Protein backbone atom coordinates (compact mmCIF):
# COMPACT_ATOMS: atom_id res chain seq x y z
CA MET A 1 -42.60 64.19 112.58
CA GLN A 2 -41.66 67.66 113.75
CA GLN A 3 -41.34 68.03 117.52
CA LEU A 4 -42.86 70.88 119.46
CA HIS A 5 -39.95 71.05 121.92
CA THR A 6 -36.37 69.87 121.88
CA ASN A 7 -36.22 68.18 125.31
CA GLN A 8 -39.33 66.01 125.49
CA PRO A 9 -39.98 62.66 127.16
CA PRO A 10 -39.52 59.80 124.65
CA GLY A 11 -42.61 58.97 122.67
CA ILE A 12 -44.43 62.26 123.27
CA THR A 13 -44.03 64.71 120.41
CA ASP A 14 -47.08 66.63 119.24
CA TYR A 15 -50.82 67.00 119.66
CA GLU A 16 -51.57 63.70 117.94
CA ASP A 17 -49.20 61.84 120.24
CA LEU A 18 -50.82 63.46 123.26
CA ALA A 19 -54.25 62.44 121.98
CA VAL A 20 -53.03 58.85 121.59
CA LEU A 21 -51.56 58.93 125.09
CA ALA A 22 -54.83 60.31 126.53
CA GLY A 23 -56.77 57.55 124.78
CA ARG A 24 -54.48 54.88 126.24
CA VAL A 25 -54.87 56.40 129.70
CA ARG A 26 -58.66 56.30 129.36
CA ARG A 27 -58.43 52.63 128.41
CA GLY A 28 -56.70 52.00 131.71
CA GLU A 29 -53.24 51.14 130.41
CA ARG A 30 -50.85 51.37 133.35
CA ARG A 31 -47.76 52.27 131.32
CA ALA A 32 -49.64 55.08 129.64
CA LEU A 33 -50.87 56.32 133.02
CA ALA A 34 -47.32 56.32 134.38
CA LYS A 35 -46.06 58.18 131.29
CA ALA A 36 -48.84 60.77 131.54
CA LEU A 37 -48.10 61.33 135.23
CA SER A 38 -44.40 61.77 134.49
CA LEU A 39 -45.20 64.50 131.98
CA LEU A 40 -47.65 66.24 134.31
CA GLU A 41 -45.17 66.13 137.21
CA SER A 42 -42.44 67.76 135.15
CA THR A 43 -41.21 71.14 136.38
CA ARG A 44 -39.65 72.15 133.05
CA VAL A 45 -41.13 75.30 131.60
CA SER A 46 -40.91 73.81 128.10
CA ASP A 47 -43.33 71.04 129.14
CA LYS A 48 -46.11 73.40 130.20
CA PRO A 49 -47.95 73.61 126.84
CA ARG A 50 -48.09 69.83 126.55
CA GLN A 51 -49.12 69.49 130.19
CA HIS A 52 -52.05 71.83 129.62
CA THR A 53 -53.06 70.06 126.40
CA LEU A 54 -52.93 66.59 127.95
CA LEU A 55 -54.75 67.69 131.10
CA SER A 56 -57.53 69.25 129.02
CA MET A 57 -57.90 65.96 127.15
CA LEU A 58 -58.17 64.00 130.38
CA ALA A 59 -60.34 66.34 132.45
CA ILE A 60 -63.61 65.22 130.87
CA PRO A 61 -66.37 64.68 133.45
CA SER A 62 -66.84 61.01 134.20
CA ALA A 63 -68.74 58.91 136.75
CA PRO A 64 -68.68 60.15 140.36
CA THR A 65 -65.40 59.47 142.10
CA MET A 66 -64.16 59.44 145.68
CA ARG A 67 -61.19 61.65 146.53
CA ILE A 68 -59.88 60.66 149.95
CA GLY A 69 -56.96 62.32 151.72
CA ILE A 70 -55.11 60.65 154.57
CA THR A 71 -52.87 62.85 156.68
CA GLY A 72 -51.23 62.74 160.08
CA ALA A 73 -47.93 63.07 161.87
CA ALA A 74 -44.92 60.99 160.89
CA GLY A 75 -45.20 57.51 162.39
CA ALA A 76 -49.00 57.65 162.73
CA GLY A 77 -49.36 54.61 160.48
CA LYS A 78 -50.70 56.31 157.36
CA SER A 79 -49.14 53.88 154.89
CA THR A 80 -50.27 50.75 156.71
CA LEU A 81 -53.75 52.24 157.11
CA ILE A 82 -53.89 53.02 153.39
CA GLU A 83 -52.78 49.51 152.47
CA ALA A 84 -55.37 47.88 154.76
CA LEU A 85 -58.16 50.16 153.55
CA GLY A 86 -57.03 49.95 149.92
CA LEU A 87 -56.97 46.15 149.93
CA HIS A 88 -60.44 46.06 151.47
CA VAL A 89 -61.80 48.49 148.87
CA ALA A 90 -60.02 46.90 145.90
CA SER A 91 -61.21 43.45 146.95
CA ASN A 92 -64.77 44.77 146.83
CA GLY A 93 -64.46 45.60 143.13
CA HIS A 94 -63.38 49.24 143.25
CA ARG A 95 -60.32 50.51 141.42
CA VAL A 96 -58.01 52.29 143.84
CA ALA A 97 -55.22 54.73 143.02
CA VAL A 98 -52.86 55.79 145.80
CA LEU A 99 -50.98 59.04 145.28
CA ALA A 100 -48.33 59.19 147.98
CA THR A 101 -46.13 62.17 148.78
CA ASP A 102 -42.64 61.80 150.23
CA PRO A 103 -40.53 64.64 151.60
CA ALA A 104 -37.58 65.90 149.57
CA ALA A 105 -34.15 66.13 151.17
CA PRO A 106 -33.33 69.80 151.81
CA SER A 107 -29.79 69.47 150.47
CA SER A 108 -30.19 67.35 147.32
CA GLY A 109 -33.93 67.69 146.68
CA GLY A 110 -34.09 63.92 146.24
CA SER A 111 -36.71 61.65 147.76
CA ILE A 112 -36.77 57.96 148.66
CA LEU A 113 -40.30 57.34 147.29
CA GLY A 114 -40.62 54.15 149.32
CA ASP A 115 -44.39 53.82 149.54
CA LYS A 116 -44.55 50.94 147.05
CA LEU A 117 -42.17 49.04 149.32
CA ARG A 118 -44.37 49.76 152.34
CA MET A 119 -47.56 48.73 150.49
CA THR A 120 -46.36 45.59 148.72
CA ALA A 121 -49.64 43.69 148.91
CA LEU A 122 -51.68 46.63 147.62
CA ALA A 123 -49.13 47.40 144.89
CA ASN A 124 -49.59 43.87 143.55
CA HIS A 125 -53.39 43.95 143.57
CA PRO A 126 -54.83 44.09 140.02
CA ASN A 127 -57.35 46.78 141.02
CA ALA A 128 -54.76 49.09 142.59
CA PHE A 129 -52.20 51.60 141.34
CA ILE A 130 -49.62 53.33 143.55
CA ARG A 131 -47.71 56.41 142.47
CA PRO A 132 -45.23 58.00 144.89
CA SER A 133 -44.01 61.54 144.27
CA SER A 134 -41.76 64.06 145.96
CA ASN A 135 -43.06 67.29 147.49
CA ARG A 136 -39.93 68.90 145.98
CA GLY A 137 -39.19 70.82 149.15
CA ARG A 138 -42.57 72.59 149.29
CA GLY A 139 -43.50 74.01 152.66
CA ASP A 140 -46.70 71.96 152.95
CA ALA A 141 -47.37 68.24 152.98
CA LEU A 142 -48.29 67.76 149.29
CA ASP A 143 -46.58 67.87 145.92
CA SER A 144 -47.41 70.75 143.60
CA HIS A 145 -49.10 68.58 140.94
CA VAL A 146 -51.43 66.55 143.15
CA ARG A 147 -54.59 67.89 141.50
CA GLU A 148 -53.35 66.98 138.03
CA ARG A 149 -52.42 63.51 139.31
CA ILE A 150 -55.91 63.00 140.74
CA ILE A 151 -57.62 63.98 137.46
CA THR A 152 -55.35 61.66 135.48
CA CYS A 153 -56.02 58.65 137.71
CA GLU A 154 -59.76 59.29 137.53
CA ALA A 155 -59.51 59.44 133.73
CA ALA A 156 -57.81 56.03 133.86
CA GLY A 157 -60.87 54.57 135.58
CA TYR A 158 -59.83 54.66 139.23
CA ASN A 159 -62.98 55.62 141.10
CA VAL A 160 -61.29 55.79 144.53
CA VAL A 161 -58.23 58.04 144.68
CA VAL A 162 -56.36 58.12 147.98
CA VAL A 163 -53.89 60.95 148.56
CA GLU A 164 -51.30 60.45 151.30
CA THR A 165 -49.43 63.45 152.68
CA VAL A 166 -45.96 63.48 154.12
CA GLY A 167 -45.73 63.46 157.91
CA ALA A 168 -47.93 66.47 158.56
CA GLY A 169 -48.21 68.89 161.46
CA GLN A 170 -51.23 70.78 162.75
CA ALA A 171 -50.70 73.62 160.28
CA ASP A 172 -50.60 71.35 157.21
CA THR A 173 -54.10 71.86 155.84
CA ALA A 174 -53.34 71.83 152.10
CA ILE A 175 -54.90 68.37 151.81
CA ALA A 176 -58.35 69.96 152.26
CA ASP A 177 -57.83 71.85 148.97
CA ALA A 178 -57.24 68.65 147.00
CA VAL A 179 -59.70 65.99 148.19
CA ASP A 180 -63.34 65.55 149.19
CA LEU A 181 -62.86 63.58 152.40
CA VAL A 182 -60.03 64.20 154.87
CA ILE A 183 -59.02 61.36 157.19
CA LEU A 184 -56.66 62.27 160.03
CA ALA A 185 -54.58 59.41 161.43
CA THR A 186 -53.36 59.79 164.99
CA LEU A 187 -51.76 57.53 167.59
CA PRO A 188 -53.47 56.49 170.84
CA ASN A 189 -51.04 58.52 172.97
CA ALA A 190 -50.59 61.49 170.62
CA GLY A 191 -52.02 64.03 173.06
CA ASP A 192 -54.79 64.80 175.49
CA ASP A 193 -58.18 66.33 174.78
CA ILE A 194 -56.72 69.84 174.92
CA GLN A 195 -54.35 68.87 172.10
CA ALA A 196 -57.34 67.60 170.12
CA LEU A 197 -58.99 71.01 170.36
CA LYS A 198 -56.14 72.86 168.65
CA ARG A 199 -56.99 74.43 165.34
CA GLY A 200 -55.43 73.31 162.09
CA VAL A 201 -55.68 69.94 160.43
CA MET A 202 -58.05 68.68 163.16
CA GLU A 203 -60.54 71.34 162.09
CA TYR A 204 -60.46 70.05 158.50
CA ALA A 205 -60.77 66.34 159.35
CA ASP A 206 -64.00 64.59 158.38
CA ILE A 207 -62.96 61.30 159.99
CA VAL A 208 -60.35 60.87 162.73
CA VAL A 209 -58.74 57.43 162.97
CA VAL A 210 -56.84 56.33 166.07
CA THR A 211 -54.37 53.85 164.57
CA LYS A 212 -52.45 50.89 166.02
CA ALA A 213 -55.26 50.18 168.46
CA ASP A 214 -54.02 46.61 168.98
CA LEU A 215 -50.89 47.90 170.76
CA ASP A 216 -52.85 49.50 173.61
CA ARG A 217 -56.60 49.09 173.41
CA ALA A 218 -57.31 51.02 176.60
CA ALA A 219 -55.29 53.99 175.34
CA ALA A 220 -57.05 53.78 171.97
CA ARG A 221 -60.48 53.88 173.63
CA ARG A 222 -59.44 56.88 175.75
CA ALA A 223 -58.13 58.68 172.67
CA VAL A 224 -61.37 58.09 170.76
CA GLN A 225 -63.42 59.47 173.64
CA GLN A 226 -61.14 62.49 174.14
CA ILE A 227 -61.18 63.39 170.44
CA ARG A 228 -64.95 63.02 170.27
CA SER A 229 -65.35 65.32 173.26
CA GLY A 230 -62.91 67.85 171.84
CA ARG A 231 -64.41 67.78 168.37
CA ALA A 232 -67.84 68.61 169.79
CA LEU A 233 -66.53 72.12 170.47
CA LEU A 234 -65.35 72.67 166.88
CA ARG A 235 -67.51 73.56 163.90
CA ASN A 236 -68.13 70.88 161.28
CA ARG A 237 -67.20 71.82 157.71
CA ASP A 238 -70.54 70.61 156.32
CA VAL A 239 -73.91 71.10 157.98
CA ASP A 240 -74.95 67.53 157.13
CA TRP A 241 -71.81 65.76 158.34
CA HIS A 242 -70.46 65.49 161.87
CA VAL A 243 -66.92 64.26 162.33
CA ARG A 244 -66.59 60.55 163.11
CA VAL A 245 -63.88 59.07 165.30
CA LEU A 246 -62.92 55.41 165.43
CA ALA A 247 -60.03 53.13 166.35
CA THR A 248 -58.37 50.82 163.83
CA SER A 249 -55.59 48.29 163.61
CA SER A 250 -54.01 47.62 160.25
CA ALA A 251 -52.31 44.55 161.71
CA THR A 252 -55.55 42.83 162.79
CA GLY A 253 -58.00 44.53 160.42
CA GLU A 254 -59.97 45.99 163.32
CA GLY A 255 -62.07 48.96 162.26
CA ILE A 256 -61.14 48.83 158.55
CA THR A 257 -64.59 47.68 157.40
CA GLU A 258 -66.20 50.33 159.60
CA LEU A 259 -63.90 52.99 158.14
CA TRP A 260 -64.92 52.08 154.59
CA LEU A 261 -68.60 52.17 155.58
CA LEU A 262 -68.07 55.70 156.89
CA CYS A 263 -66.41 56.64 153.60
CA GLN A 264 -69.38 55.26 151.68
CA GLU A 265 -71.74 57.20 153.94
CA PHE A 266 -69.78 60.38 153.27
CA PHE A 267 -70.04 59.82 149.50
CA ALA A 268 -73.71 58.85 149.55
CA GLU A 269 -75.71 60.09 146.57
CA GLY A 270 -77.58 62.60 148.70
CA ARG A 271 -74.32 64.26 149.72
CA ARG A 272 -73.12 64.86 146.16
CA PRO A 273 -74.18 68.55 146.18
CA MET A 274 -72.02 69.18 149.26
CA ILE A 275 -69.06 67.38 147.68
CA GLU A 276 -69.45 69.34 144.44
CA ALA A 277 -69.56 72.56 146.47
CA ARG A 278 -66.18 71.64 147.95
CA ARG A 279 -64.80 70.90 144.51
CA ARG A 280 -66.00 74.26 143.18
CA GLN A 281 -64.14 76.03 146.00
CA GLN A 282 -61.06 73.93 145.31
CA ARG A 283 -61.11 74.77 141.61
CA MET A 284 -61.24 78.48 142.43
CA ARG A 285 -58.29 78.19 144.82
CA TRP A 286 -56.42 76.22 142.15
CA PHE A 287 -57.20 78.99 139.67
CA ASP A 288 -55.89 81.63 142.08
CA GLU A 289 -52.68 79.66 142.67
CA SER A 290 -52.16 79.07 138.94
CA LEU A 291 -52.83 82.71 138.09
CA HIS A 292 -50.37 83.85 140.76
CA SER A 293 -47.72 81.48 139.39
CA GLU A 294 -48.24 82.64 135.78
CA LEU A 295 -48.18 86.33 136.74
CA ILE A 296 -44.95 85.89 138.68
CA ALA A 297 -43.40 84.13 135.68
CA LEU A 298 -44.56 86.92 133.37
CA LEU A 299 -43.22 89.52 135.76
CA ARG A 300 -39.81 87.90 135.83
CA GLN A 301 -39.79 87.75 132.06
CA ARG A 302 -40.76 91.37 131.44
CA ALA A 303 -39.02 93.12 134.31
CA SER A 304 -36.19 90.81 135.21
CA ALA A 305 -33.42 93.42 135.60
CA HIS A 306 -35.66 95.88 137.45
CA LEU A 307 -36.98 93.06 139.65
CA ASP A 308 -33.46 91.95 140.56
CA ARG A 309 -32.49 95.48 141.58
CA ILE A 310 -35.58 95.87 143.74
CA ALA A 311 -35.03 92.44 145.28
CA ASP A 312 -31.46 93.35 146.20
CA ALA A 313 -32.73 96.54 147.83
CA VAL A 314 -35.29 94.52 149.83
CA ALA A 315 -32.62 92.09 150.97
CA GLU A 316 -30.42 94.97 152.15
CA GLY A 317 -33.30 96.57 154.04
CA ALA A 318 -33.26 99.66 151.83
CA ILE A 319 -36.92 99.26 150.87
CA LEU A 320 -39.79 97.50 152.57
CA PRO A 321 -41.37 94.51 150.74
CA PRO A 322 -44.87 96.07 150.28
CA VAL A 323 -43.33 99.26 148.90
CA ALA A 324 -41.07 97.20 146.63
CA ALA A 325 -44.02 95.20 145.27
CA ALA A 326 -45.95 98.41 144.51
CA THR A 327 -42.85 99.88 142.82
CA ILE A 328 -42.58 96.88 140.49
CA VAL A 329 -46.27 97.03 139.57
CA ASN A 330 -45.98 100.77 138.86
CA HIS A 331 -42.95 100.03 136.67
CA LEU A 332 -44.98 97.54 134.62
CA GLU A 333 -47.88 99.98 134.24
CA THR A 334 -45.62 102.68 132.79
CA GLN A 335 -44.03 100.38 130.21
């Protein structure tokens, strides 16, 4: 059988093979899901046509799903929270996929991808699937293919998809462009009520969870009250949803059932129009990002030498970046 590309993952050759792979993913075969994710996570330019073909095969509307993002600073207990919540949800008959993001080392670009080791019990549950991935040195807290990964897991029958960010700061709001529900994990002594008022990820949170409440219950109660008071001064993202704040303990199970009940309330049938409105906005931002990426690639292909000269001039301070960008566009228009 003739291959479309010379450097392809084993077992994936042409359209028919991709159709077979998509069918296996839709039947819920774990190995097929892992193989599909590996292809979609590839950064090789030669894989793009097959990525687009496979994604189009998988992105067929299915039953309503829950896309949940869990973010927070490093050490806030995101992984243990996800395992406790995931086990609770999976044990209640839902199929849970966890898409974790680990930071890449700045020197080598490698990543430990240790989330399966931190979520051993969930990784072994028959209703759960965990897929760690590197953010490949991106400036935000997610990997560049998180949307494709979500669609693929949903196609495989996972109706609850949990996306975990790397240790995120206040400015890391990319999670809001990928999921329906944003859960912010914070520690009992992470900051006072003035800290809670700061803009950024707090403004995008739909639920705020004060983790590790068993270590200092008094501090956890104070944190919940402070965040509630602070959040009252910020605008809610949806008119029909006010941000909820609760304390949890992954070690004792405290608050986990309540957290899942809040998630179910967020995804109630009557809220589906609001959730779909978020997804429409997300698809448009994804389109803008993809178009920008494709145009940059086309620009480098058609005006590589001219682009390099202009870039060198920008680096030397001989031309300002906005002027340089306009110069390159004018060059393309005259070709």
